Amino acid sequence: KCGQSSVPAPFKLSVRFRAALVLTPLRGDEIVICRDERPIAMLTPIAQKIASYEDLVSLAEEGRKNVPPGTSSDHSDFYDECGLPK
């Protein structure tokens, strides 16, 4: 259940309070915003999956299987002797 607030809407938030609104979801907590004791919005963290270094290396190795032998990332054939595109 939402608590009562004496703050009229709309209102300005202090810098400290705004920082708390941002940092709290970053910690994994949720913030429920209420009006007339009813929830109207929720701030939640966005789930992010961060792959491990080993996962990245295995993905690169898998992709490398489809590249013909002798292939490189050298693209000098696209540029002239001054380094400008041909």
N, C-alpha and C. Protein backbone atom coordinates (compact mmCIF):
# COMPACT_ATOMS: atom_id res chain seq x y z
N LYS A 1 0.84 -1.17 0.00
CA LYS A 1 0.00 0.00 0.00
C LYS A 1 0.89 1.23 0.00
N CYS A 2 0.49 2.24 -0.74
CA CYS A 2 1.27 3.46 -0.85
C CYS A 2 1.03 4.37 0.33
N GLY A 3 2.07 5.08 0.73
CA GLY A 3 1.94 6.02 1.83
C GLY A 3 1.41 7.36 1.37
N GLN A 4 0.90 8.12 2.30
CA GLN A 4 0.39 9.46 2.02
C GLN A 4 1.56 10.42 1.91
N SER A 5 1.42 11.43 1.06
CA SER A 5 2.46 12.44 0.93
C SER A 5 1.82 13.81 0.97
N SER A 6 2.50 14.75 1.61
CA SER A 6 1.99 16.12 1.67
C SER A 6 2.54 16.96 0.54
N VAL A 7 3.31 16.38 -0.38
CA VAL A 7 3.91 17.12 -1.47
C VAL A 7 2.89 17.27 -2.59
N PRO A 8 2.55 18.52 -2.97
CA PRO A 8 1.59 18.71 -4.05
C PRO A 8 2.20 18.35 -5.41
N ALA A 9 1.38 17.92 -6.32
CA ALA A 9 1.86 17.61 -7.68
C ALA A 9 1.47 18.76 -8.59
N PRO A 10 2.24 19.18 -9.54
CA PRO A 10 3.62 18.75 -9.78
C PRO A 10 4.57 19.39 -8.79
N PHE A 11 5.72 18.78 -8.60
CA PHE A 11 6.69 19.31 -7.65
C PHE A 11 8.09 19.11 -8.19
N LYS A 12 9.03 19.87 -7.67
CA LYS A 12 10.43 19.74 -8.06
C LYS A 12 11.12 18.81 -7.09
N LEU A 13 12.00 18.01 -7.62
CA LEU A 13 12.76 17.09 -6.78
C LEU A 13 14.12 17.68 -6.48
N SER A 14 14.58 17.50 -5.27
CA SER A 14 15.93 17.94 -4.94
C SER A 14 16.94 17.06 -5.66
N VAL A 15 18.15 17.57 -5.80
CA VAL A 15 19.21 16.81 -6.47
C VAL A 15 19.46 15.49 -5.74
N ARG A 16 19.46 15.53 -4.41
CA ARG A 16 19.71 14.32 -3.63
C ARG A 16 18.61 13.28 -3.88
N PHE A 17 17.35 13.73 -3.92
CA PHE A 17 16.25 12.81 -4.14
C PHE A 17 16.28 12.24 -5.56
N ARG A 18 16.60 13.09 -6.55
CA ARG A 18 16.70 12.59 -7.93
C ARG A 18 17.79 11.54 -8.03
N ALA A 19 18.91 11.77 -7.37
CA ALA A 19 19.99 10.78 -7.40
C ALA A 19 19.53 9.46 -6.79
N ALA A 20 18.76 9.54 -5.72
CA ALA A 20 18.24 8.32 -5.10
C ALA A 20 17.29 7.59 -6.04
N LEU A 21 16.50 8.35 -6.80
CA LEU A 21 15.58 7.72 -7.75
C LEU A 21 16.33 6.95 -8.83
N VAL A 22 17.49 7.43 -9.19
CA VAL A 22 18.28 6.74 -10.22
C VAL A 22 19.10 5.60 -9.61
N LEU A 23 19.72 5.85 -8.48
CA LEU A 23 20.62 4.85 -7.90
C LEU A 23 19.91 3.65 -7.30
N THR A 24 18.71 3.85 -6.78
CA THR A 24 17.99 2.74 -6.16
C THR A 24 17.71 1.61 -7.15
N PRO A 25 17.15 1.89 -8.34
CA PRO A 25 16.96 0.79 -9.29
C PRO A 25 18.28 0.18 -9.77
N LEU A 26 19.35 0.99 -9.82
CA LEU A 26 20.64 0.43 -10.23
C LEU A 26 21.14 -0.61 -9.24
N ARG A 27 20.74 -0.51 -7.99
CA ARG A 27 21.10 -1.51 -6.98
C ARG A 27 20.25 -2.76 -7.10
N GLY A 28 19.22 -2.71 -7.93
CA GLY A 28 18.34 -3.85 -8.09
C GLY A 28 17.01 -3.70 -7.39
N ASP A 29 16.81 -2.57 -6.70
CA ASP A 29 15.54 -2.33 -6.00
C ASP A 29 14.51 -1.73 -6.94
N GLU A 30 13.26 -1.77 -6.54
CA GLU A 30 12.17 -1.18 -7.32
C GLU A 30 11.60 0.00 -6.55
N ILE A 31 11.14 1.02 -7.28
CA ILE A 31 10.47 2.17 -6.68
C ILE A 31 9.07 2.21 -7.25
N VAL A 32 8.06 2.24 -6.38
CA VAL A 32 6.66 2.32 -6.81
C VAL A 32 6.20 3.76 -6.56
N ILE A 33 5.67 4.39 -7.59
CA ILE A 33 5.15 5.75 -7.50
C ILE A 33 3.64 5.67 -7.41
N CYS A 34 3.07 6.35 -6.39
CA CYS A 34 1.64 6.25 -6.13
C CYS A 34 0.96 7.61 -6.23
N ARG A 35 -0.31 7.57 -6.54
CA ARG A 35 -1.18 8.74 -6.50
C ARG A 35 -2.48 8.29 -5.84
N ASP A 36 -2.91 9.02 -4.84
CA ASP A 36 -4.11 8.65 -4.09
C ASP A 36 -4.05 7.21 -3.58
N GLU A 37 -2.89 6.85 -3.07
CA GLU A 37 -2.63 5.52 -2.51
C GLU A 37 -2.74 4.38 -3.51
N ARG A 38 -2.71 4.70 -4.80
CA ARG A 38 -2.74 3.65 -5.83
C ARG A 38 -1.45 3.72 -6.65
N PRO A 39 -0.83 2.58 -6.90
CA PRO A 39 0.39 2.59 -7.71
C PRO A 39 0.06 3.03 -9.14
N ILE A 40 0.86 3.97 -9.67
CA ILE A 40 0.66 4.44 -11.04
C ILE A 40 1.88 4.22 -11.91
N ALA A 41 3.05 4.00 -11.31
CA ALA A 41 4.27 3.77 -12.09
C ALA A 41 5.28 3.02 -11.23
N MET A 42 6.24 2.41 -11.92
CA MET A 42 7.27 1.68 -11.21
C MET A 42 8.61 1.89 -11.91
N LEU A 43 9.64 2.17 -11.13
CA LEU A 43 11.00 2.25 -11.65
C LEU A 43 11.69 0.95 -11.29
N THR A 44 12.14 0.24 -12.30
CA THR A 44 12.81 -1.03 -12.06
C THR A 44 14.11 -1.06 -12.86
N PRO A 45 15.06 -1.84 -12.44
CA PRO A 45 16.30 -1.95 -13.22
C PRO A 45 16.05 -2.71 -14.52
N ILE A 46 16.78 -2.33 -15.54
CA ILE A 46 16.73 -3.05 -16.81
C ILE A 46 17.72 -4.20 -16.71
N ALA A 47 17.24 -5.40 -16.94
CA ALA A 47 18.11 -6.57 -16.84
C ALA A 47 19.15 -6.53 -17.95
N GLN A 48 20.38 -6.73 -17.56
CA GLN A 48 21.46 -6.76 -18.54
C GLN A 48 22.25 -8.04 -18.34
N LYS A 49 22.44 -8.75 -19.43
CA LYS A 49 23.25 -9.95 -19.35
C LYS A 49 24.62 -9.61 -19.92
N ILE A 50 25.62 -9.74 -19.09
CA ILE A 50 26.97 -9.46 -19.52
C ILE A 50 27.68 -10.80 -19.68
N ALA A 51 28.13 -11.05 -20.90
CA ALA A 51 28.80 -12.31 -21.18
C ALA A 51 30.21 -12.29 -20.60
N SER A 52 30.69 -13.45 -20.27
CA SER A 52 32.05 -13.56 -19.75
C SER A 52 33.03 -13.50 -20.92
N TYR A 53 34.28 -13.28 -20.59
CA TYR A 53 35.32 -13.23 -21.61
C TYR A 53 35.40 -14.54 -22.39
N GLU A 54 35.22 -15.64 -21.68
CA GLU A 54 35.28 -16.95 -22.33
C GLU A 54 34.14 -17.11 -23.35
N ASP A 55 32.95 -16.58 -23.01
CA ASP A 55 31.82 -16.63 -23.95
C ASP A 55 32.14 -15.82 -25.20
N LEU A 56 32.77 -14.66 -25.02
CA LEU A 56 33.13 -13.81 -26.16
C LEU A 56 34.15 -14.50 -27.05
N VAL A 57 35.14 -15.13 -26.45
CA VAL A 57 36.17 -15.82 -27.23
C VAL A 57 35.57 -16.99 -28.00
N SER A 58 34.69 -17.75 -27.35
CA SER A 58 34.08 -18.89 -28.05
C SER A 58 33.18 -18.42 -29.19
N LEU A 59 32.51 -17.29 -29.02
CA LEU A 59 31.69 -16.73 -30.09
C LEU A 59 32.56 -16.31 -31.26
N ALA A 60 33.71 -15.70 -30.98
CA ALA A 60 34.63 -15.30 -32.05
C ALA A 60 35.19 -16.51 -32.79
N GLU A 61 35.52 -17.55 -32.05
CA GLU A 61 36.02 -18.78 -32.67
C GLU A 61 34.96 -19.42 -33.56
N GLU A 62 33.72 -19.39 -33.11
CA GLU A 62 32.62 -19.95 -33.92
C GLU A 62 32.45 -19.17 -35.22
N GLY A 63 32.53 -17.85 -35.14
CA GLY A 63 32.40 -17.03 -36.34
C GLY A 63 33.58 -17.19 -37.28
N ARG A 64 34.76 -17.42 -36.71
CA ARG A 64 35.97 -17.56 -37.51
C ARG A 64 35.92 -18.81 -38.39
N LYS A 65 35.13 -19.81 -38.02
CA LYS A 65 35.03 -21.04 -38.82
C LYS A 65 34.48 -20.77 -40.21
N ASN A 66 33.70 -19.70 -40.39
CA ASN A 66 33.09 -19.39 -41.67
C ASN A 66 33.95 -18.49 -42.56
N VAL A 67 35.13 -18.11 -42.08
CA VAL A 67 36.01 -17.22 -42.83
C VAL A 67 37.04 -18.06 -43.58
N PRO A 68 37.21 -17.83 -44.90
CA PRO A 68 38.19 -18.60 -45.67
C PRO A 68 39.62 -18.37 -45.16
N PRO A 69 40.48 -19.39 -45.25
CA PRO A 69 41.87 -19.25 -44.81
C PRO A 69 42.57 -18.12 -45.57
N GLY A 70 43.45 -17.39 -44.90
CA GLY A 70 44.21 -16.31 -45.54
C GLY A 70 43.48 -14.97 -45.53
N THR A 71 42.25 -14.95 -45.04
CA THR A 71 41.50 -13.71 -44.99
C THR A 71 42.04 -12.84 -43.86
N SER A 72 42.14 -11.54 -44.12
CA SER A 72 42.60 -10.63 -43.07
C SER A 72 41.66 -9.43 -43.02
N SER A 73 41.89 -8.57 -42.06
CA SER A 73 41.09 -7.36 -41.95
C SER A 73 41.75 -6.18 -42.65
N ASP A 74 42.76 -6.47 -43.47
CA ASP A 74 43.46 -5.42 -44.22
C ASP A 74 42.57 -4.95 -45.36
N HIS A 75 42.26 -3.68 -45.39
CA HIS A 75 41.41 -3.11 -46.43
C HIS A 75 42.17 -2.07 -47.25
N SER A 76 43.49 -2.27 -47.38
CA SER A 76 44.30 -1.29 -48.10
C SER A 76 43.90 -1.19 -49.58
N ASP A 77 43.25 -2.21 -50.11
CA ASP A 77 42.83 -2.15 -51.51
C ASP A 77 41.69 -1.15 -51.73
N PHE A 78 41.07 -0.66 -50.65
CA PHE A 78 40.00 0.33 -50.78
C PHE A 78 40.53 1.76 -50.81
N TYR A 79 41.86 1.95 -50.50
CA TYR A 79 42.40 3.30 -50.35
C TYR A 79 43.58 3.51 -51.29
N ASP A 80 43.79 4.78 -51.68
CA ASP A 80 44.94 5.10 -52.52
C ASP A 80 46.18 5.30 -51.66
N GLU A 81 47.30 5.72 -52.29
CA GLU A 81 48.57 5.88 -51.57
C GLU A 81 48.53 6.99 -50.52
N CYS A 82 47.56 7.90 -50.60
CA CYS A 82 47.41 8.98 -49.61
C CYS A 82 46.46 8.61 -48.48
N GLY A 83 45.88 7.41 -48.54
CA GLY A 83 44.95 6.98 -47.51
C GLY A 83 43.51 7.39 -47.76
N LEU A 84 43.24 7.94 -48.95
CA LEU A 84 41.89 8.37 -49.27
C LEU A 84 41.14 7.25 -49.98
N PRO A 85 39.84 7.20 -49.84
CA PRO A 85 39.07 6.16 -50.54
C PRO A 85 39.25 6.25 -52.06
N LYS A 86 39.35 5.09 -52.70
CA LYS A 86 39.50 5.07 -54.18
C LYS A 86 38.18 5.37 -54.85
